[in-house]
Amino acid sequence: MSTAVTLINVFTAKTGKQQDLARVLAEGTRSFFSKQPGSLSSSVIVGGDGSKVVNISQWRSAEDIAAFRSDPRFAEYMKTIMEVGTGESVMGHTSYSHTGGVEN
């Protein structure tokens, strides 16, 4: 099992706001989250249904996630997210992965 912590955020955009939500998530990653201690990777996935956007990030530890969430900029960022959608988070460790023919 991986020691990195994966954070999966599944968002539902308000009607007509999916691309806006994806842009907010990408910009937040680019300008804030990727610069935080413990940030390893992040992806923004736009669903084909016109409403869902998923943000998947990997972090060194749960403590690193807690630290960025306690930063005052995070609360402001979440206000922007809530203007265009709602979401929920799941945090855990990778127990299995398959990449390019290699199982981990």
PDB file of N, CA and C in Angstrom:
ATOM      1  N   MET A   1       0.840  -1.178   0.000  1.00  0.00           N
ATOM      2  CA  MET A   1       0.000   0.000   0.000  1.00  0.00           C
ATOM      3  C   MET A   1       0.886   1.242   0.000  1.00  0.00           C
ATOM      4  N   SER A   2       0.485   2.252  -0.737  1.00  0.00           N
ATOM      5  CA  SER A   2       1.215   3.509  -0.841  1.00  0.00           C
ATOM      6  C   SER A   2       1.151   4.278   0.476  1.00  0.00           C
ATOM      7  N   THR A   3       2.205   5.036   0.776  1.00  0.00           N
ATOM      8  CA  THR A   3       2.177   5.891   1.959  1.00  0.00           C
ATOM      9  C   THR A   3       1.608   7.264   1.637  1.00  0.00           C
ATOM     10  N   ALA A   4       1.559   7.619   0.355  1.00  0.00           N
ATOM     11  CA  ALA A   4       0.954   8.894  -0.041  1.00  0.00           C
ATOM     12  C   ALA A   4      -0.542   8.853   0.239  1.00  0.00           C
ATOM     13  N   VAL A   5      -1.109  10.019   0.504  1.00  0.00           N
ATOM     14  CA  VAL A   5      -2.542  10.129   0.756  1.00  0.00           C
ATOM     15  C   VAL A   5      -3.196  10.712  -0.489  1.00  0.00           C
ATOM     16  N   THR A   6      -4.259  10.061  -0.952  1.00  0.00           N
ATOM     17  CA  THR A   6      -5.005  10.547  -2.109  1.00  0.00           C
ATOM     18  C   THR A   6      -6.258  11.254  -1.615  1.00  0.00           C
ATOM     19  N   LEU A   7      -6.478  12.438  -2.161  1.00  0.00           N
ATOM     20  CA  LEU A   7      -7.668  13.227  -1.849  1.00  0.00           C
ATOM     21  C   LEU A   7      -8.491  13.324  -3.127  1.00  0.00           C
ATOM     22  N   ILE A   8      -9.717  12.813  -3.066  1.00  0.00           N
ATOM     23  CA  ILE A   8     -10.617  12.842  -4.210  1.00  0.00           C
ATOM     24  C   ILE A   8     -11.790  13.742  -3.861  1.00  0.00           C
ATOM     25  N   ASN A   9     -11.973  14.792  -4.662  1.00  0.00           N
ATOM     26  CA  ASN A   9     -13.079  15.723  -4.477  1.00  0.00           C
ATOM     27  C   ASN A   9     -13.997  15.603  -5.686  1.00  0.00           C
ATOM     28  N   VAL A  10     -15.243  15.250  -5.450  1.00  0.00           N
ATOM     29  CA  VAL A  10     -16.229  15.126  -6.518  1.00  0.00           C
ATOM     30  C   VAL A  10     -17.194  16.300  -6.389  1.00  0.00           C
ATOM     31  N   PHE A  11     -17.225  17.130  -7.411  1.00  0.00           N
ATOM     32  CA  PHE A  11     -18.054  18.333  -7.416  1.00  0.00           C
ATOM     33  C   PHE A  11     -19.187  18.202  -8.422  1.00  0.00           C
ATOM     34  N   THR A  12     -20.313  18.799  -8.101  1.00  0.00           N
ATOM     35  CA  THR A  12     -21.418  18.941  -9.033  1.00  0.00           C
ATOM     36  C   THR A  12     -21.584  20.433  -9.286  1.00  0.00           C
ATOM     37  N   ALA A  13     -21.387  20.814 -10.539  1.00  0.00           N
ATOM     38  CA  ALA A  13     -21.485  22.231 -10.919  1.00  0.00           C
ATOM     39  C   ALA A  13     -22.941  22.649 -11.012  1.00  0.00           C
ATOM     40  N   LYS A  14     -23.173  23.910 -10.713  1.00  0.00           N
ATOM     41  CA  LYS A  14     -24.492  24.474 -10.968  1.00  0.00           C
ATOM     42  C   LYS A  14     -24.717  24.467 -12.481  1.00  0.00           C
ATOM     43  N   THR A  15     -25.961  24.491 -12.900  1.00  0.00           N
ATOM     44  CA  THR A  15     -26.308  24.416 -14.313  1.00  0.00           C
ATOM     45  C   THR A  15     -25.509  25.428 -15.133  1.00  0.00           C
ATOM     46  N   GLY A  16     -24.834  24.928 -16.162  1.00  0.00           N
ATOM     47  CA  GLY A  16     -24.061  25.769 -17.060  1.00  0.00           C
ATOM     48  C   GLY A  16     -22.715  26.229 -16.518  1.00  0.00           C
ATOM     49  N   LYS A  17     -22.304  25.730 -15.348  1.00  0.00           N
ATOM     50  CA  LYS A  17     -21.079  26.214 -14.703  1.00  0.00           C
ATOM     51  C   LYS A  17     -19.947  25.180 -14.648  1.00  0.00           C
ATOM     52  N   GLN A  18     -20.088  24.059 -15.364  1.00  0.00           N
ATOM     53  CA  GLN A  18     -19.068  23.018 -15.288  1.00  0.00           C
ATOM     54  C   GLN A  18     -17.684  23.525 -15.703  1.00  0.00           C
ATOM     55  N   GLN A  19     -17.585  24.227 -16.810  1.00  0.00           N
ATOM     56  CA  GLN A  19     -16.286  24.718 -17.270  1.00  0.00           C
ATOM     57  C   GLN A  19     -15.730  25.781 -16.324  1.00  0.00           C
ATOM     58  N   ASP A  20     -16.600  26.604 -15.757  1.00  0.00           N
ATOM     59  CA  ASP A  20     -16.160  27.594 -14.765  1.00  0.00           C
ATOM     60  C   ASP A  20     -15.567  26.889 -13.549  1.00  0.00           C
ATOM     61  N   LEU A  21     -16.248  25.847 -13.085  1.00  0.00           N
ATOM     62  CA  LEU A  21     -15.771  25.091 -11.941  1.00  0.00           C
ATOM     63  C   LEU A  21     -14.420  24.443 -12.246  1.00  0.00           C
ATOM     64  N   ALA A  22     -14.286  23.846 -13.425  1.00  0.00           N
ATOM     65  CA  ALA A  22     -13.015  23.227 -13.811  1.00  0.00           C
ATOM     66  C   ALA A  22     -11.889  24.263 -13.836  1.00  0.00           C
ATOM     67  N   ARG A  23     -12.182  25.459 -14.327  1.00  0.00           N
ATOM     68  CA  ARG A  23     -11.167  26.528 -14.357  1.00  0.00           C
ATOM     69  C   ARG A  23     -10.761  26.962 -12.950  1.00  0.00           C
ATOM     70  N   VAL A  24     -11.741  27.093 -12.055  1.00  0.00           N
ATOM     71  CA  VAL A  24     -11.445  27.484 -10.675  1.00  0.00           C
ATOM     72  C   VAL A  24     -10.565  26.421 -10.014  1.00  0.00           C
ATOM     73  N   LEU A  25     -10.896  25.155 -10.220  1.00  0.00           N
ATOM     74  CA  LEU A  25     -10.104  24.076  -9.634  1.00  0.00           C
ATOM     75  C   LEU A  25      -8.687  24.045 -10.197  1.00  0.00           C
ATOM     76  N   ALA A  26      -8.556  24.206 -11.496  1.00  0.00           N
ATOM     77  CA  ALA A  26      -7.223  24.201 -12.116  1.00  0.00           C
ATOM     78  C   ALA A  26      -6.391  25.387 -11.633  1.00  0.00           C
ATOM     79  N   GLU A  27      -6.999  26.558 -11.553  1.00  0.00           N
ATOM     80  CA  GLU A  27      -6.267  27.739 -11.094  1.00  0.00           C
ATOM     81  C   GLU A  27      -5.882  27.612  -9.620  1.00  0.00           C
ATOM     82  N   GLY A  28      -6.777  27.070  -8.813  1.00  0.00           N
ATOM     83  CA  GLY A  28      -6.456  26.844  -7.403  1.00  0.00           C
ATOM     84  C   GLY A  28      -5.287  25.903  -7.239  1.00  0.00           C
ATOM     85  N   THR A  29      -5.252  24.870  -8.075  1.00  0.00           N
ATOM     86  CA  THR A  29      -4.136  23.929  -8.041  1.00  0.00           C
ATOM     87  C   THR A  29      -2.850  24.611  -8.483  1.00  0.00           C
ATOM     88  N   ARG A  30      -2.929  25.343  -9.571  1.00  0.00           N
ATOM     89  CA  ARG A  30      -1.752  26.001 -10.141  1.00  0.00           C
ATOM     90  C   ARG A  30      -1.150  27.039  -9.187  1.00  0.00           C
ATOM     91  N   SER A  31      -2.002  27.856  -8.590  1.00  0.00           N
ATOM     92  CA  SER A  31      -1.500  28.990  -7.822  1.00  0.00           C
ATOM     93  C   SER A  31      -1.377  28.752  -6.315  1.00  0.00           C
ATOM     94  N   PHE A  32      -2.057  27.733  -5.789  1.00  0.00           N
ATOM     95  CA  PHE A  32      -2.076  27.555  -4.343  1.00  0.00           C
ATOM     96  C   PHE A  32      -1.678  26.146  -3.917  1.00  0.00           C
ATOM     97  N   PHE A  33      -2.485  25.149  -4.272  1.00  0.00           N
ATOM     98  CA  PHE A  33      -2.267  23.804  -3.740  1.00  0.00           C
ATOM     99  C   PHE A  33      -0.938  23.190  -4.149  1.00  0.00           C
ATOM    100  N   SER A  34      -0.548  23.364  -5.399  1.00  0.00           N
ATOM    101  CA  SER A  34       0.698  22.748  -5.868  1.00  0.00           C
ATOM    102  C   SER A  34       1.928  23.335  -5.189  1.00  0.00           C
ATOM    103  N   LYS A  35       1.775  24.484  -4.550  1.00  0.00           N
ATOM    104  CA  LYS A  35       2.893  25.136  -3.879  1.00  0.00           C
ATOM    105  C   LYS A  35       2.947  24.820  -2.381  1.00  0.00           C
ATOM    106  N   GLN A  36       1.993  24.027  -1.902  1.00  0.00           N
ATOM    107  CA  GLN A  36       1.942  23.694  -0.484  1.00  0.00           C
ATOM    108  C   GLN A  36       2.885  22.543  -0.155  1.00  0.00           C
ATOM    109  N   PRO A  37       3.490  22.576   1.038  1.00  0.00           N
ATOM    110  CA  PRO A  37       4.343  21.461   1.450  1.00  0.00           C
ATOM    111  C   PRO A  37       3.565  20.148   1.415  1.00  0.00           C
ATOM    112  N   GLY A  38       4.149  19.140   0.827  1.00  0.00           N
ATOM    113  CA  GLY A  38       3.528  17.823   0.767  1.00  0.00           C
ATOM    114  C   GLY A  38       2.698  17.557  -0.467  1.00  0.00           C
ATOM    115  N   SER A  39       2.462  18.560  -1.298  1.00  0.00           N
ATOM    116  CA  SER A  39       1.698  18.351  -2.528  1.00  0.00           C
ATOM    117  C   SER A  39       2.538  17.552  -3.512  1.00  0.00           C
ATOM    118  N   LEU A  40       1.999  16.431  -4.004  1.00  0.00           N
ATOM    119  CA  LEU A  40       2.731  15.569  -4.933  1.00  0.00           C
ATOM    120  C   LEU A  40       2.199  15.643  -6.360  1.00  0.00           C
ATOM    121  N   SER A  41       0.881  15.642  -6.514  1.00  0.00           N
ATOM    122  CA  SER A  41       0.286  15.699  -7.857  1.00  0.00           C
ATOM    123  C   SER A  41      -1.183  16.079  -7.745  1.00  0.00           C
ATOM    124  N   SER A  42      -1.739  16.518  -8.867  1.00  0.00           N
ATOM    125  CA  SER A  42      -3.151  16.880  -8.891  1.00  0.00           C
ATOM    126  C   SER A  42      -3.668  16.834 -10.318  1.00  0.00           C
ATOM    127  N   SER A  43      -4.905  16.385 -10.469  1.00  0.00           N
ATOM    128  CA  SER A  43      -5.564  16.339 -11.776  1.00  0.00           C
ATOM    129  C   SER A  43      -6.993  16.848 -11.624  1.00  0.00           C
ATOM    130  N   VAL A  44      -7.474  17.528 -12.654  1.00  0.00           N
ATOM    131  CA  VAL A  44      -8.872  17.958 -12.712  1.00  0.00           C
ATOM    132  C   VAL A  44      -9.502  17.218 -13.888  1.00  0.00           C
ATOM    133  N   ILE A  45     -10.581  16.499 -13.616  1.00  0.00           N
ATOM    134  CA  ILE A  45     -11.259  15.696 -14.635  1.00  0.00           C
ATOM    135  C   ILE A  45     -12.669  16.244 -14.825  1.00  0.00           C
ATOM    136  N   VAL A  46     -13.010  16.573 -16.064  1.00  0.00           N
ATOM    137  CA  VAL A  46     -14.335  17.092 -16.396  1.00  0.00           C
ATOM    138  C   VAL A  46     -15.187  15.926 -16.885  1.00  0.00           C
ATOM    139  N   GLY A  47     -16.314  15.706 -16.217  1.00  0.00           N
ATOM    140  CA  GLY A  47     -17.200  14.620 -16.584  1.00  0.00           C
ATOM    141  C   GLY A  47     -17.956  14.898 -17.873  1.00  0.00           C
ATOM    142  N   GLY A  48     -18.338  13.849 -18.549  1.00  0.00           N
ATOM    143  CA  GLY A  48     -19.075  13.974 -19.799  1.00  0.00           C
ATOM    144  C   GLY A  48     -20.541  14.292 -19.619  1.00  0.00           C
ATOM    145  N   ASP A  49     -20.999  14.364 -18.368  1.00  0.00           N
ATOM    146  CA  ASP A  49     -22.417  14.603 -18.104  1.00  0.00           C
ATOM    147  C   ASP A  49     -22.788  16.081 -18.072  1.00  0.00           C
ATOM    148  N   GLY A  50     -21.782  16.966 -18.179  1.00  0.00           N
ATOM    149  CA  GLY A  50     -22.053  18.396 -18.160  1.00  0.00           C
ATOM    150  C   GLY A  50     -22.160  19.006 -16.778  1.00  0.00           C
ATOM    151  N   SER A  51     -22.002  18.176 -15.720  1.00  0.00           N
ATOM    152  CA  SER A  51     -22.127  18.735 -14.372  1.00  0.00           C
ATOM    153  C   SER A  51     -21.006  18.334 -13.417  1.00  0.00           C
ATOM    154  N   LYS A  52     -20.450  17.162 -13.559  1.00  0.00           N
ATOM    155  CA  LYS A  52     -19.451  16.677 -12.606  1.00  0.00           C
ATOM    156  C   LYS A  52     -18.041  17.132 -12.984  1.00  0.00           C
ATOM    157  N   VAL A  53     -17.264  17.482 -11.937  1.00  0.00           N
ATOM    158  CA  VAL A  53     -15.845  17.772 -12.067  1.00  0.00           C
ATOM    159  C   VAL A  53     -15.170  17.100 -10.876  1.00  0.00           C
ATOM    160  N   VAL A  54     -14.106  16.368 -11.146  1.00  0.00           N
ATOM    161  CA  VAL A  54     -13.399  15.641 -10.100  1.00  0.00           C
ATOM    162  C   VAL A  54     -11.980  16.194  -9.997  1.00  0.00           C
ATOM    163  N   ASN A  55     -11.541  16.408  -8.773  1.00  0.00           N
ATOM    164  CA  ASN A  55     -10.171  16.833  -8.506  1.00  0.00           C
ATOM    165  C   ASN A  55      -9.517  15.731  -7.693  1.00  0.00           C
ATOM    166  N   ILE A  56      -8.458  15.135  -8.242  1.00  0.00           N
ATOM    167  CA  ILE A  56      -7.735  14.070  -7.565  1.00  0.00           C
ATOM    168  C   ILE A  56      -6.328  14.575  -7.280  1.00  0.00           C
ATOM    169  N   SER A  57      -5.941  14.545  -6.024  1.00  0.00           N
ATOM    170  CA  SER A  57      -4.596  14.994  -5.671  1.00  0.00           C
ATOM    171  C   SER A  57      -3.946  13.990  -4.734  1.00  0.00           C
ATOM    172  N   GLN A  58      -2.629  13.954  -4.792  1.00  0.00           N
ATOM    173  CA  GLN A  58      -1.876  13.098  -3.882  1.00  0.00           C
ATOM    174  C   GLN A  58      -0.982  13.981  -3.034  1.00  0.00           C
ATOM    175  N   TRP A  59      -0.911  13.599  -1.779  1.00  0.00           N
ATOM    176  CA  TRP A  59      -0.177  14.358  -0.768  1.00  0.00           C
ATOM    177  C   TRP A  59       0.733  13.424   0.004  1.00  0.00           C
ATOM    178  N   ARG A  60       1.765  13.984   0.573  1.00  0.00           N
ATOM    179  CA  ARG A  60       2.717  13.213   1.369  1.00  0.00           C
ATOM    180  C   ARG A  60       2.043  12.631   2.605  1.00  0.00           C
ATOM    181  N   SER A  61       1.111  13.406   3.215  1.00  0.00           N
ATOM    182  CA  SER A  61       0.476  12.942   4.452  1.00  0.00           C
ATOM    183  C   SER A  61      -0.867  13.642   4.670  1.00  0.00           C
ATOM    184  N   ALA A  62      -1.661  13.052   5.557  1.00  0.00           N
ATOM    185  CA  ALA A  62      -2.928  13.671   5.951  1.00  0.00           C
ATOM    186  C   ALA A  62      -2.669  14.989   6.685  1.00  0.00           C
ATOM    187  N   GLU A  63      -1.552  15.071   7.373  1.00  0.00           N
ATOM    188  CA  GLU A  63      -1.195  16.306   8.075  1.00  0.00           C
ATOM    189  C   GLU A  63      -0.955  17.448   7.094  1.00  0.00           C
ATOM    190  N   ASP A  64      -0.355  17.133   5.936  1.00  0.00           N
ATOM    191  CA  ASP A  64      -0.152  18.159   4.908  1.00  0.00           C
ATOM    192  C   ASP A  64      -1.492  18.668   4.377  1.00  0.00           C
ATOM    193  N   ILE A  65      -2.459  17.782   4.219  1.00  0.00           N
ATOM    194  CA  ILE A  65      -3.791  18.185   3.782  1.00  0.00           C
ATOM    195  C   ILE A  65      -4.437  19.077   4.834  1.00  0.00           C
ATOM    196  N   ALA A  66      -4.343  18.682   6.089  1.00  0.00           N
ATOM    197  CA  ALA A  66      -4.909  19.490   7.171  1.00  0.00           C
ATOM    198  C   ALA A  66      -4.265  20.873   7.219  1.00  0.00           C
ATOM    199  N   ALA A  67      -2.960  20.942   6.965  1.00  0.00           N
ATOM    200  CA  ALA A  67      -2.255  22.227   7.008  1.00  0.00           C
ATOM    201  C   ALA A  67      -2.763  23.168   5.919  1.00  0.00           C
ATOM    202  N   PHE A  68      -2.910  22.678   4.683  1.00  0.00           N
ATOM    203  CA  PHE A  68      -3.382  23.588   3.628  1.00  0.00           C
ATOM    204  C   PHE A  68      -4.828  23.984   3.870  1.00  0.00           C
ATOM    205  N   ARG A  69      -5.617  23.088   4.441  1.00  0.00           N
ATOM    206  CA  ARG A  69      -7.015  23.418   4.717  1.00  0.00           C
ATOM    207  C   ARG A  69      -7.151  24.447   5.837  1.00  0.00           C
ATOM    208  N   SER A  70      -6.145  24.574   6.689  1.00  0.00           N
ATOM    209  CA  SER A  70      -6.199  25.566   7.764  1.00  0.00           C
ATOM    210  C   SER A  70      -5.666  26.935   7.329  1.00  0.00           C
ATOM    211  N   ASP A  71      -5.087  26.998   6.132  1.00  0.00           N
ATOM    212  CA  ASP A  71      -4.599  28.265   5.580  1.00  0.00           C
ATOM    213  C   ASP A  71      -5.810  29.164   5.290  1.00  0.00           C
ATOM    214  N   PRO A  72      -5.782  30.435   5.706  1.00  0.00           N
ATOM    215  CA  PRO A  72      -6.927  31.330   5.461  1.00  0.00           C
ATOM    216  C   PRO A  72      -7.316  31.451   3.985  1.00  0.00           C
ATOM    217  N   ARG A  73      -6.366  31.248   3.084  1.00  0.00           N
ATOM    218  CA  ARG A  73      -6.681  31.327   1.657  1.00  0.00           C
ATOM    219  C   ARG A  73      -7.608  30.196   1.225  1.00  0.00           C
ATOM    220  N   PHE A  74      -7.574  29.070   1.938  1.00  0.00           N
ATOM    221  CA  PHE A  74      -8.425  27.940   1.587  1.00  0.00           C
ATOM    222  C   PHE A  74      -9.901  28.303   1.770  1.00  0.00           C
ATOM    223  N   ALA A  75     -10.242  28.993   2.852  1.00  0.00           N
ATOM    224  CA  ALA A  75     -11.638  29.390   3.083  1.00  0.00           C
ATOM    225  C   ALA A  75     -12.139  30.303   1.973  1.00  0.00           C
ATOM    226  N   GLU A  76     -11.301  31.231   1.547  1.00  0.00           N
ATOM    227  CA  GLU A  76     -11.678  32.129   0.447  1.00  0.00           C
ATOM    228  C   GLU A  76     -11.860  31.344  -0.848  1.00  0.00           C
ATOM    229  N   TYR A  77     -10.970  30.408  -1.100  1.00  0.00           N
ATOM    230  CA  TYR A  77     -11.050  29.557  -2.283  1.00  0.00           C
ATOM    231  C   TYR A  77     -12.362  28.760  -2.281  1.00  0.00           C
ATOM    232  N   MET A  78     -12.726  28.207  -1.124  1.00  0.00           N
ATOM    233  CA  MET A  78     -13.951  27.416  -1.046  1.00  0.00           C
ATOM    234  C   MET A  78     -15.193  28.273  -1.286  1.00  0.00           C
ATOM    235  N   LYS A  79     -15.151  29.536  -0.910  1.00  0.00           N
ATOM    236  CA  LYS A  79     -16.277  30.430  -1.217  1.00  0.00           C
ATOM    237  C   LYS A  79     -16.452  30.541  -2.727  1.00  0.00           C
ATOM    238  N   THR A  80     -15.355  30.630  -3.453  1.00  0.00           N
ATOM    239  CA  THR A  80     -15.405  30.697  -4.921  1.00  0.00           C
ATOM    240  C   THR A  80     -15.977  29.409  -5.493  1.00  0.00           C
ATOM    241  N   ILE A  81     -15.550  28.271  -4.946  1.00  0.00           N
ATOM    242  CA  ILE A  81     -16.073  26.973  -5.404  1.00  0.00           C
ATOM    243  C   ILE A  81     -17.583  26.915  -5.183  1.00  0.00           C
ATOM    244  N   MET A  82     -18.038  27.326  -4.017  1.00  0.00           N
ATOM    245  CA  MET A  82     -19.455  27.220  -3.684  1.00  0.00           C
ATOM    246  C   MET A  82     -20.334  28.120  -4.546  1.00  0.00           C
ATOM    247  N   GLU A  83     -19.734  29.111  -5.191  1.00  0.00           N
ATOM    248  CA  GLU A  83     -20.494  29.959  -6.106  1.00  0.00           C
ATOM    249  C   GLU A  83     -20.874  29.211  -7.386  1.00  0.00           C
ATOM    250  N   VAL A  84     -20.109  28.186  -7.731  1.00  0.00           N
ATOM    251  CA  VAL A  84     -20.355  27.475  -8.989  1.00  0.00           C
ATOM    252  C   VAL A  84     -20.714  25.993  -8.802  1.00  0.00           C
ATOM    253  N   GLY A  85     -20.651  25.488  -7.564  1.00  0.00           N
ATOM    254  CA  GLY A  85     -20.990  24.084  -7.373  1.00  0.00           C
ATOM    255  C   GLY A  85     -20.889  23.640  -5.932  1.00  0.00           C
ATOM    256  N   THR A  86     -21.146  22.352  -5.722  1.00  0.00           N
ATOM    257  CA  THR A  86     -21.032  21.731  -4.403  1.00  0.00           C
ATOM    258  C   THR A  86     -20.173  20.489  -4.539  1.00  0.00           C
ATOM    259  N   GLY A  87     -19.666  19.983  -3.434  1.00  0.00           N
ATOM    260  CA  GLY A  87     -18.823  18.804  -3.534  1.00  0.00           C
ATOM    261  C   GLY A  87     -18.662  18.054  -2.240  1.00  0.00           C
ATOM    262  N   GLU A  88     -17.992  16.920  -2.378  1.00  0.00           N
ATOM    263  CA  GLU A  88     -17.652  16.110  -1.222  1.00  0.00           C
ATOM    264  C   GLU A  88     -16.263  15.516  -1.424  1.00  0.00           C
ATOM    265  N   SER A  89     -15.602  15.193  -0.317  1.00  0.00           N
ATOM    266  CA  SER A  89     -14.229  14.692  -0.354  1.00  0.00           C
ATOM    267  C   SER A  89     -14.126  13.289   0.201  1.00  0.00           C
ATOM    268  N   VAL A  90     -13.176  12.547  -0.349  1.00  0.00           N
ATOM    269  CA  VAL A  90     -12.791  11.236   0.160  1.00  0.00           C
ATOM    270  C   VAL A  90     -11.276  11.246   0.254  1.00  0.00           C
ATOM    271  N   MET A  91     -10.742  10.816   1.403  1.00  0.00           N
ATOM    272  CA  MET A  91      -9.303  10.765   1.583  1.00  0.00           C
ATOM    273  C   MET A  91      -8.919   9.335   1.936  1.00  0.00           C
ATOM    274  N   GLY A  92      -7.833   8.834   1.315  1.00  0.00           N
ATOM    275  CA  GLY A  92      -7.388   7.485   1.622  1.00  0.00           C
ATOM    276  C   GLY A  92      -6.037   7.174   1.010  1.00  0.00           C
ATOM    277  N   HIS A  93      -5.641   5.920   1.155  1.00  0.00           N
ATOM    278  CA  HIS A  93      -4.370   5.427   0.612  1.00  0.00           C
ATOM    279  C   HIS A  93      -4.652   4.472  -0.543  1.00  0.00           C
ATOM    280  N   THR A  94      -3.790   4.487  -1.528  1.00  0.00           N
ATOM    281  CA  THR A  94      -3.927   3.585  -2.668  1.00  0.00           C
ATOM    282  C   THR A  94      -3.567   2.169  -2.222  1.00  0.00           C
ATOM    283  N   SER A  95      -4.476   1.239  -2.414  1.00  0.00           N
ATOM    284  CA  SER A  95      -4.197  -0.152  -2.064  1.00  0.00           C
ATOM    285  C   SER A  95      -3.828  -0.980  -3.293  1.00  0.00           C
ATOM    286  N   TYR A  96      -4.146  -0.473  -4.492  1.00  0.00           N
ATOM    287  CA  TYR A  96      -3.818  -1.160  -5.726  1.00  0.00           C
ATOM    288  C   TYR A  96      -3.814  -0.145  -6.849  1.00  0.00           C
ATOM    289  N   SER A  97      -2.866  -0.266  -7.767  1.00  0.00           N
ATOM    290  CA  SER A  97      -2.893   0.542  -8.972  1.00  0.00           C
ATOM    291  C   SER A  97      -2.308  -0.246 -10.135  1.00  0.00           C
ATOM    292  N   HIS A  98      -2.679   0.136 -11.334  1.00  0.00           N
ATOM    293  CA  HIS A  98      -2.205  -0.496 -12.554  1.00  0.00           C
ATOM    294  C   HIS A  98      -1.893   0.613 -13.538  1.00  0.00           C
ATOM    295  N   THR A  99      -0.631   0.764 -13.892  1.00  0.00           N
ATOM    296  CA  THR A  99      -0.210   1.834 -14.786  1.00  0.00           C
ATOM    297  C   THR A  99       0.736   1.257 -15.849  1.00  0.00           C
ATOM    298  N   GLY A 100       0.368   1.424 -17.096  1.00  0.00           N
ATOM    299  CA  GLY A 100       1.241   1.002 -18.180  1.00  0.00           C
ATOM    300  C   GLY A 100       1.690  -0.451 -18.093  1.00  0.00           C
ATOM    301  N   GLY A 101       0.795  -1.323 -17.690  1.00  0.00           N
ATOM    302  CA  GLY A 101       1.120  -2.735 -17.616  1.00  0.00           C
ATOM    303  C   GLY A 101       1.828  -3.154 -16.330  1.00  0.00           C
ATOM    304  N   VAL A 102       2.027  -2.224 -15.420  1.00  0.00           N
ATOM    305  CA  VAL A 102       2.709  -2.532 -14.173  1.00  0.00           C
ATOM    306  C   VAL A 102       1.712  -2.423 -13.016  1.00  0.00           C
ATOM    307  N   GLU A 103       1.629  -3.489 -12.236  1.00  0.00           N
ATOM    308  CA  GLU A 103       0.751  -3.473 -11.072  1.00  0.00           C
ATOM    309  C   GLU A 103       1.546  -3.064  -9.848  1.00  0.00           C
ATOM    310  N   ASN A 104       0.922  -2.248  -9.011  1.00  0.00           N
ATOM    311  CA  ASN A 104       1.551  -1.818  -7.753  1.00  0.00           C
ATOM    312  C   ASN A 104       0.635  -2.125  -6.591  1.00  0.00           C
TER     313      ASN A 104
END
